[in-house]
């Protein structure tokens, strides 16, 4: 029975397997390959090819700083010199006899008497006196006086002490250029800031004054004679008074004799030299706009803008007076003054540069400035300095 059961189960299982449909064998897996599907191939063909540089951002435009030496025309200078020298005063003074003009009523004092006006104030007087009997001879009464007379003859002239100059000098500059702010085609635009310092000096030396003084000192003797006709002349010595009374004579001498003796010449010759100097330190601050273009290896540019000029000046004059015959120093004057002036202006500039390395280039430029005028005084002299002129500069530019 047991065996029968097993056989039955076996037969049943065989039938089940026989009646079931055939199951296909599992499909074989296709081997993996790197070939993309056709759709991906078309997308890849439409996309542009990438290079290694496409992964890097474009560098920003660089700042530029330039520096170097320069030569600059400071301006046009007009200097007006004013000499102080003049002919010296002569220490010797004349001492003429105190007898006045013989034709004018007055008070006359002699070495041996006097004839003065009296209370009447008329041309006759009793206010007279004499001391020596020899003075009275007949109808004539003589009086004597002596002294010195100084005569002077001068020649002098001031020479032209005005001069002019176009001062210029060496200096240095530094300029900072902003990155390019705008571009139109091949031309770029930006701004710039600059500073420069220029030192200049001007001077002149020349004859300022020539003078000659000739002084002639002579001794003089005077004899005045009075007419005493009809007059009883008292015996010497006699002294009349202002209020009188007394014998009356004329206040005016009837005649006068003048005798000069000796000849003492005093000569004074002088000449002066005036030296004038003006030193300037010109500080210029600039702000402007520039345009530039790359032409091959060269970079050319032009700029324009405003400038602020600060001028520090120092002036001096020195006048030496000497004896032209001997060269000996007689006198001297020295004057000094200084100041600082501020003047706005504007400029135009052209430049060109050529690279030396990737970041460094050599640059040269020419510039013209317009500005105001500096006025100043040095002692009695004065000057006017009109600022403006050309600047030539060269140096190096660094990109950063």
Protein backbone atom coordinates (compact mmCIF):
# COMPACT_ATOMS: atom_id res chain seq x y z
CA UNK A 1 0.00 0.00 0.00
CA UNK A 2 2.74 2.25 0.96
CA UNK A 3 4.52 1.44 -2.17
CA UNK A 4 1.40 2.08 -4.19
CA UNK A 5 1.07 5.52 -2.74
CA UNK A 6 4.62 6.47 -3.66
CA UNK A 7 4.12 5.29 -7.21
CA UNK A 8 0.94 7.29 -7.49
CA UNK A 9 2.68 10.50 -6.33
CA UNK A 10 5.48 9.93 -8.77
CA UNK A 11 3.09 9.43 -11.63
CA UNK A 12 1.16 12.55 -10.74
CA UNK A 13 4.31 14.69 -10.66
CA UNK A 14 5.37 13.40 -14.04
CA UNK A 15 2.12 14.39 -15.55
CA UNK A 16 2.33 17.89 -14.08
CA UNK A 17 5.72 18.46 -15.61
CA UNK A 18 4.53 17.02 -18.91
CA UNK A 19 1.51 19.30 -19.16
CA UNK A 20 3.41 22.58 -18.27
CA UNK A 21 4.57 24.79 -21.20
CA UNK A 22 8.19 25.03 -22.10
CA UNK A 23 9.93 27.90 -20.20
CA UNK A 24 12.46 29.69 -22.39
CA UNK A 25 15.97 29.81 -21.13
CA UNK A 26 17.12 33.09 -19.58
CA UNK A 27 18.50 35.63 -22.05
CA UNK A 28 22.20 36.09 -22.12
CA UNK A 29 23.45 39.50 -20.74
CA UNK A 30 24.98 41.76 -23.35
CA UNK A 31 28.50 42.80 -22.70
CA UNK A 32 29.02 46.49 -21.41
CA UNK A 33 30.58 48.94 -23.90
CA UNK A 34 31.65 52.76 -23.78
CA UNK A 35 29.69 53.63 -26.91
CA UNK A 36 26.93 56.17 -26.01
CA UNK A 37 23.51 55.86 -27.47
CA UNK A 38 22.75 57.78 -30.71
CA UNK A 39 20.77 60.54 -28.88
CA UNK A 40 23.72 61.35 -26.65
CA UNK A 41 26.00 61.38 -29.69
CA UNK A 42 23.87 64.09 -31.34
CA UNK A 43 23.84 66.27 -28.17
CA UNK A 44 27.57 65.98 -27.81
CA UNK A 45 28.11 66.99 -31.43
CA UNK A 46 26.00 70.16 -30.96
CA UNK A 47 27.92 71.38 -27.84
CA UNK A 48 31.18 73.44 -28.47
CA UNK A 49 34.44 71.91 -27.51
CA UNK A 50 35.91 73.19 -24.18
CA UNK A 51 39.53 74.17 -23.60
CA UNK A 52 41.43 74.25 -20.29
CA UNK A 53 41.32 78.11 -20.21
CA UNK A 54 37.50 78.07 -20.26
CA UNK A 55 37.54 77.00 -16.67
CA UNK A 56 39.46 80.22 -15.52
CA UNK A 57 37.67 83.59 -14.90
CA UNK A 58 38.82 86.59 -17.01
CA UNK A 59 41.35 88.69 -15.00
CA UNK A 60 40.19 92.22 -14.00
CA UNK A 61 41.79 95.26 -15.73
CA UNK A 62 45.00 96.27 -13.92
CA UNK A 63 45.91 99.42 -11.98
CA UNK A 64 49.05 101.17 -13.23
CA UNK A 65 51.55 103.26 -11.31
CA UNK A 66 54.31 105.25 -13.02
CA UNK A 67 57.27 107.17 -11.59
CA UNK A 68 60.49 108.75 -12.80
CA UNK A 69 62.45 111.97 -13.41
CA UNK A 70 61.18 114.98 -15.33
CA UNK A 71 62.26 118.36 -16.69
CA UNK A 72 59.74 121.20 -16.53
CA UNK A 73 59.40 124.81 -17.62
CA UNK A 74 58.21 126.62 -14.49
CA UNK A 75 57.07 129.80 -16.24
CA UNK A 76 58.05 133.32 -17.30
CA UNK A 77 59.73 135.60 -14.73
CA UNK A 78 59.97 139.41 -14.74
CA UNK A 79 62.07 140.92 -11.94
CA UNK A 80 62.07 144.67 -11.19
CA UNK A 81 65.19 145.65 -9.24
CA UNK A 82 65.29 148.76 -7.06
CA UNK A 83 68.75 149.96 -5.95
CA UNK A 84 69.11 151.84 -2.66
CA UNK A 85 72.49 153.45 -3.23
CA UNK A 86 72.83 157.20 -3.58
CA UNK A 87 75.50 159.85 -3.31
CA UNK A 88 76.75 160.17 0.26
CA UNK A 89 76.50 163.45 2.10
CA UNK A 90 79.72 165.49 2.38
CA UNK A 91 80.76 165.90 5.99
CA UNK A 92 82.58 169.20 5.31
CA UNK A 93 80.34 172.25 5.56
CA UNK A 94 81.00 175.77 4.34
CA UNK A 95 81.07 178.66 6.83
CA UNK A 96 80.45 181.80 4.81
CA UNK A 97 81.02 185.22 6.39
CA UNK A 98 77.86 186.43 8.20
CA UNK A 99 77.55 189.66 6.23
CA UNK A 100 74.60 188.87 3.95
CA UNK A 101 73.79 190.41 0.59
CA UNK A 102 75.27 193.92 0.25
CA UNK A 103 72.14 195.10 -1.53
CA UNK A 104 69.71 193.99 1.19
CA UNK A 105 69.10 195.73 4.54
CA UNK A 106 70.15 193.41 7.31
CA UNK A 107 72.40 192.62 10.23
CA UNK A 108 76.08 192.24 9.35
CA UNK A 109 78.73 191.02 11.75
CA UNK A 110 82.41 191.62 11.02
CA UNK A 111 85.62 190.60 12.70
CA UNK A 112 86.24 194.27 13.58
CA UNK A 113 82.72 195.62 14.11
CA UNK A 114 79.07 195.43 13.07
CA UNK A 115 76.38 197.23 11.10
CA UNK A 116 72.83 196.26 12.05
CA UNK A 117 69.34 197.62 11.75
CA UNK A 118 68.06 199.95 14.45
CA UNK A 119 64.67 200.67 15.91
CA UNK A 120 63.57 202.50 12.75
CA UNK A 121 64.05 199.44 10.52
CA UNK A 122 65.07 201.70 7.65
CA UNK A 123 68.09 201.59 5.35
CA UNK A 124 70.00 203.90 7.69
CA UNK A 125 71.06 202.98 11.19
CA UNK A 126 72.78 204.21 14.31
CA UNK A 127 73.24 200.61 15.47
CA UNK A 128 76.83 200.19 14.30
CA UNK A 129 80.32 200.01 15.81
CA UNK A 130 83.98 199.49 14.98
CA UNK A 131 87.11 198.61 16.95
CA UNK A 132 90.21 199.82 15.06
CA UNK A 133 91.05 203.47 14.28
CA UNK A 134 92.64 202.35 10.98
CA UNK A 135 89.16 201.43 9.73
CA UNK A 136 88.24 205.10 9.43
CA UNK A 137 89.95 206.77 6.51
CA UNK A 138 88.56 210.06 5.18
CA UNK A 139 84.90 209.58 4.38
CA UNK A 140 85.11 205.80 4.33
CA UNK A 141 84.62 203.32 7.14
CA UNK A 142 85.87 199.79 6.33
CA UNK A 143 84.82 196.47 7.89
CA UNK A 144 86.31 193.00 7.39
CA UNK A 145 84.99 189.41 7.57
CA UNK A 146 86.28 185.96 6.58
CA UNK A 147 84.98 182.42 6.24
CA UNK A 148 84.71 179.45 3.85
CA UNK A 149 82.45 178.75 0.88
CA UNK A 150 81.57 175.21 -0.28
CA UNK A 151 80.45 174.55 -3.85
CA UNK A 152 79.32 171.11 -5.05
CA UNK A 153 78.94 169.51 -8.46
CA UNK A 154 77.19 166.13 -8.70
CA UNK A 155 76.55 163.61 -11.46
CA UNK A 156 74.62 160.41 -10.85
CA UNK A 157 72.41 157.92 -12.65
CA UNK A 158 70.55 154.75 -11.80
CA UNK A 159 71.01 151.95 -14.30
CA UNK A 160 68.41 149.49 -15.60
CA UNK A 161 68.12 146.78 -12.96
CA UNK A 162 65.09 144.99 -14.47
CA UNK A 163 65.61 141.50 -15.89
CA UNK A 164 63.60 138.51 -17.10
CA UNK A 165 64.06 134.75 -17.30
CA UNK A 166 62.24 131.53 -18.20
CA UNK A 167 63.06 129.36 -15.18
CA UNK A 168 63.04 125.60 -15.58
CA UNK A 169 64.38 122.71 -13.57
CA UNK A 170 64.59 119.01 -12.87
CA UNK A 171 62.18 117.11 -10.68
CA UNK A 172 60.25 113.88 -10.27
CA UNK A 173 56.72 112.62 -10.87
CA UNK A 174 54.43 109.80 -9.82
CA UNK A 175 51.10 108.91 -11.47
CA UNK A 176 48.39 106.37 -10.63
CA UNK A 177 46.02 105.18 -13.39
CA UNK A 178 42.73 103.48 -12.56
CA UNK A 179 41.61 100.26 -14.25
CA UNK A 180 39.87 100.72 -17.56
CA UNK A 181 36.36 102.07 -16.90
CA UNK A 182 34.95 102.08 -20.43
CA UNK A 183 35.93 100.80 -23.86
CA UNK A 184 34.87 101.86 -27.32
CA UNK A 185 36.32 99.61 -29.95
CA UNK A 186 40.09 99.47 -29.46
CA UNK A 187 40.21 102.56 -27.24
CA UNK A 188 39.91 102.32 -23.47
CA UNK A 189 39.11 105.08 -21.00
CA UNK A 190 40.03 105.65 -17.36
CA UNK A 191 41.08 108.20 -14.76
CA UNK A 192 44.46 109.25 -13.39
CA UNK A 193 45.94 110.96 -10.35
CA UNK A 194 49.40 112.57 -10.34
CA UNK A 195 51.94 114.52 -8.32
CA UNK A 196 55.16 116.21 -9.42
CA UNK A 197 57.85 118.36 -7.82
CA UNK A 198 60.11 120.74 -9.76
CA UNK A 199 62.98 122.86 -8.39
CA UNK A 200 64.11 125.98 -10.25
CA UNK A 201 66.31 129.00 -9.62
CA UNK A 202 66.94 132.30 -11.44
CA UNK A 203 69.36 135.14 -10.78
CA UNK A 204 70.98 138.25 -12.16
CA UNK A 205 73.86 140.54 -11.20
CA UNK A 206 74.46 143.95 -12.74
CA UNK A 207 75.51 147.56 -12.16
CA UNK A 208 72.75 149.47 -10.38
CA UNK A 209 74.04 152.99 -9.62
CA UNK A 210 76.90 155.26 -10.64
CA UNK A 211 77.57 158.59 -8.96
CA UNK A 212 80.20 161.31 -8.62
CA UNK A 213 80.30 164.25 -6.21
CA UNK A 214 82.86 167.05 -6.56
CA UNK A 215 83.07 169.42 -3.58
CA UNK A 216 85.15 172.63 -3.70
CA UNK A 217 85.91 174.30 -0.33
CA UNK A 218 87.52 177.75 -0.49
CA UNK A 219 88.50 180.46 1.98
CA UNK A 220 86.88 183.82 1.40
CA UNK A 221 87.69 187.33 2.72
CA UNK A 222 85.25 190.23 2.45
CA UNK A 223 85.82 193.97 2.88
CA UNK A 224 82.74 196.21 3.05
CA UNK A 225 83.17 200.00 2.79
CA UNK A 226 80.55 202.47 4.10
CA UNK A 227 80.26 206.14 3.05
CA UNK A 228 80.57 208.49 6.07
CA UNK A 229 80.31 211.76 4.17
CA UNK A 230 78.74 214.37 6.53
CA UNK A 231 78.99 212.00 9.48
CA UNK A 232 81.14 212.73 12.53
CA UNK A 233 82.66 209.32 13.18
CA UNK A 234 83.40 208.76 16.88
CA UNK A 235 86.89 207.62 17.80
CA UNK A 236 87.47 203.86 18.04
CA UNK A 237 86.42 201.83 19.73
CA UNK A 238 82.78 202.78 19.27
CA UNK A 239 79.56 200.75 19.76
CA UNK A 240 76.14 202.08 18.85
CA UNK A 241 72.90 200.57 20.09
CA UNK A 242 69.56 199.46 18.67
CA UNK A 243 67.61 202.24 20.35
CA UNK A 244 70.28 204.94 19.84
CA UNK A 245 70.66 207.73 19.48
CA UNK A 246 73.99 208.07 17.68
CA UNK A 247 75.63 209.05 14.40
CA UNK A 248 73.71 207.58 11.45
CA UNK A 249 75.25 205.73 8.48
CA UNK A 250 73.76 203.67 5.68
CA UNK A 251 72.93 200.04 6.47
CA UNK A 252 74.08 199.12 2.97
CA UNK A 253 77.82 199.08 2.15
CA UNK A 254 78.86 201.45 -0.61
CA UNK A 255 81.18 198.77 -2.00
CA UNK A 256 82.31 195.21 -1.33
CA UNK A 257 85.53 193.39 -2.20
CA UNK A 258 85.60 189.58 -2.08
CA UNK A 259 88.82 187.59 -2.20
CA UNK A 260 88.96 183.75 -2.32
CA UNK A 261 92.11 181.81 -1.51
CA UNK A 262 93.03 178.14 -1.43
CA UNK A 263 91.27 175.29 -3.25
CA UNK A 264 90.34 172.15 -1.32
CA UNK A 265 88.71 169.58 -3.66
CA UNK A 266 86.76 166.71 -2.14
CA UNK A 267 85.76 164.03 -4.64
CA UNK A 268 83.39 161.15 -3.89
CA UNK A 269 82.81 158.45 -6.53
CA UNK A 270 80.62 155.41 -5.89
CA UNK A 271 79.21 152.51 -7.89
CA UNK A 272 76.82 149.79 -6.74
CA UNK A 273 76.12 146.25 -7.93
CA UNK A 274 72.70 144.65 -7.38
CA UNK A 275 72.39 140.84 -7.23
CA UNK A 276 68.89 139.32 -7.31
CA UNK A 277 67.93 135.67 -6.90
CA UNK A 278 64.65 133.75 -6.85
CA UNK A 279 64.27 130.06 -6.00
CA UNK A 280 61.02 128.14 -6.54
CA UNK A 281 59.72 124.73 -5.50
CA UNK A 282 56.66 123.88 -7.60
CA UNK A 283 54.33 121.14 -6.30
CA UNK A 284 51.61 120.07 -8.75
CA UNK A 285 48.68 117.75 -7.97
CA UNK A 286 46.73 116.52 -11.02
CA UNK A 287 43.42 114.75 -11.62
CA UNK A 288 42.11 113.92 -15.07
CA UNK A 289 40.74 111.43 -17.58
CA UNK A 290 42.78 109.40 -20.06
CA UNK A 291 42.28 107.44 -23.27
CA UNK A 292 44.64 104.71 -24.47
CA UNK A 293 45.09 102.21 -27.28
CA UNK A 294 47.33 99.21 -27.84
CA UNK A 295 49.19 99.43 -31.16
CA UNK A 296 51.36 96.38 -31.53
CA UNK A 297 53.72 96.34 -28.58
CA UNK A 298 53.18 100.01 -27.90
CA UNK A 299 50.57 101.59 -25.67
CA UNK A 300 49.80 105.21 -26.58
CA UNK A 301 47.62 107.52 -24.56
CA UNK A 302 46.33 111.04 -24.11
CA UNK A 303 44.94 112.75 -21.02
CA UNK A 304 43.58 116.07 -19.81
CA UNK A 305 42.47 117.41 -16.49
CA UNK A 306 42.78 119.86 -13.63
CA UNK A 307 45.93 120.78 -11.72
CA UNK A 308 46.59 122.43 -8.37
CA UNK A 309 49.95 124.26 -8.27
CA UNK A 310 51.55 125.13 -4.92
CA UNK A 311 54.56 127.43 -5.39
CA UNK A 312 57.01 127.97 -2.54
CA UNK A 313 59.43 130.80 -3.37
CA UNK A 314 62.45 132.36 -1.71
CA UNK A 315 63.91 135.65 -2.95
CA UNK A 316 66.91 137.78 -2.01
CA UNK A 317 68.68 140.93 -3.17
CA UNK A 318 72.14 142.14 -2.24
CA UNK A 319 73.52 145.55 -3.21
CA UNK A 320 77.22 146.29 -2.72
CA UNK A 321 78.50 149.89 -2.93
CA UNK A 322 82.19 150.41 -3.71
CA UNK A 323 84.67 153.04 -4.76
CA UNK A 324 85.16 152.40 -8.49
CA UNK A 325 88.70 153.81 -8.40
CA UNK A 326 89.99 151.62 -5.56
CA UNK A 327 87.39 148.84 -5.43
CA UNK A 328 87.05 149.38 -1.70
CA UNK A 329 83.68 148.47 -0.19
CA UNK A 330 81.68 151.42 1.04
CA UNK A 331 78.28 150.02 2.07
CA UNK A 332 75.90 147.15 1.39
CA UNK A 333 72.22 146.27 1.72
CA UNK A 334 70.66 142.80 1.92
CA UNK A 335 66.96 141.94 1.64
CA UNK A 336 65.16 138.61 1.88
CA UNK A 337 61.57 137.40 1.62
CA UNK A 338 59.68 134.15 1.01
CA UNK A 339 56.12 132.97 0.50
CA UNK A 340 53.75 130.24 -0.69
CA UNK A 341 51.08 130.71 -3.35
CA UNK A 342 48.32 128.39 -4.58
CA UNK A 343 46.99 128.53 -8.15
CA UNK A 344 44.60 126.19 -10.03
CA UNK A 345 45.27 125.23 -13.62
CA UNK A 346 44.74 122.57 -16.26
CA UNK A 347 46.90 120.34 -18.45
CA UNK A 348 47.13 118.26 -21.63
CA UNK A 349 49.42 115.22 -21.88
CA UNK A 350 50.47 112.60 -24.44
CA UNK A 351 52.37 109.41 -23.59
CA UNK A 352 53.76 106.21 -25.11
CA UNK A 353 55.06 103.05 -23.44
CA UNK A 354 56.69 99.80 -24.48
CA UNK A 355 56.77 96.62 -22.34
CA UNK A 356 59.95 95.51 -20.63
CA UNK A 357 58.47 92.52 -18.82
CA UNK A 358 54.94 91.18 -18.47
CA UNK A 359 54.14 93.71 -15.71
CA UNK A 360 56.75 96.42 -16.23
CA UNK A 361 56.98 98.89 -19.11
CA UNK A 362 59.04 101.96 -19.99
CA UNK A 363 57.03 105.15 -20.54
CA UNK A 364 57.80 108.65 -21.84
CA UNK A 365 55.43 111.62 -21.95
CA UNK A 366 55.06 115.28 -22.87
CA UNK A 367 52.74 117.66 -21.06
CA UNK A 368 51.75 121.34 -21.16
CA UNK A 369 50.39 123.26 -18.14
CA UNK A 370 48.44 126.51 -17.85
CA UNK A 371 48.07 128.34 -14.52
CA UNK A 372 48.12 131.75 -12.78
CA UNK A 373 50.88 134.17 -11.70
CA UNK A 374 52.92 134.52 -8.51
CA UNK A 375 53.66 138.06 -7.27
CA UNK A 376 56.16 138.98 -4.56
CA UNK A 377 58.40 141.69 -3.09
CA UNK A 378 61.99 141.46 -1.95
CA UNK A 379 63.05 144.67 -0.21
CA UNK A 380 62.36 147.46 -2.66
CA UNK A 381 62.34 145.04 -5.61
CA UNK A 382 59.38 143.07 -6.95
CA UNK A 383 58.73 140.14 -9.31
CA UNK A 384 55.98 138.45 -11.32
CA UNK A 385 56.20 134.74 -12.21
CA UNK A 386 53.61 133.53 -14.75
CA UNK A 387 53.30 129.76 -14.23
CA UNK A 388 53.02 127.43 -17.24
CA UNK A 389 55.07 125.55 -19.80
CA UNK A 390 56.21 122.16 -21.08
CA UNK A 391 57.13 119.07 -19.09
CA UNK A 392 59.13 116.13 -20.46
CA UNK A 393 59.15 113.00 -18.34
CA UNK A 394 60.31 109.40 -18.52
CA UNK A 395 60.13 106.45 -16.16
CA UNK A 396 58.63 103.01 -15.59
CA UNK A 397 55.06 101.79 -15.27
CA UNK A 398 54.07 98.83 -13.09
CA UNK A 399 50.81 96.95 -13.56
CA UNK A 400 49.25 95.48 -10.43
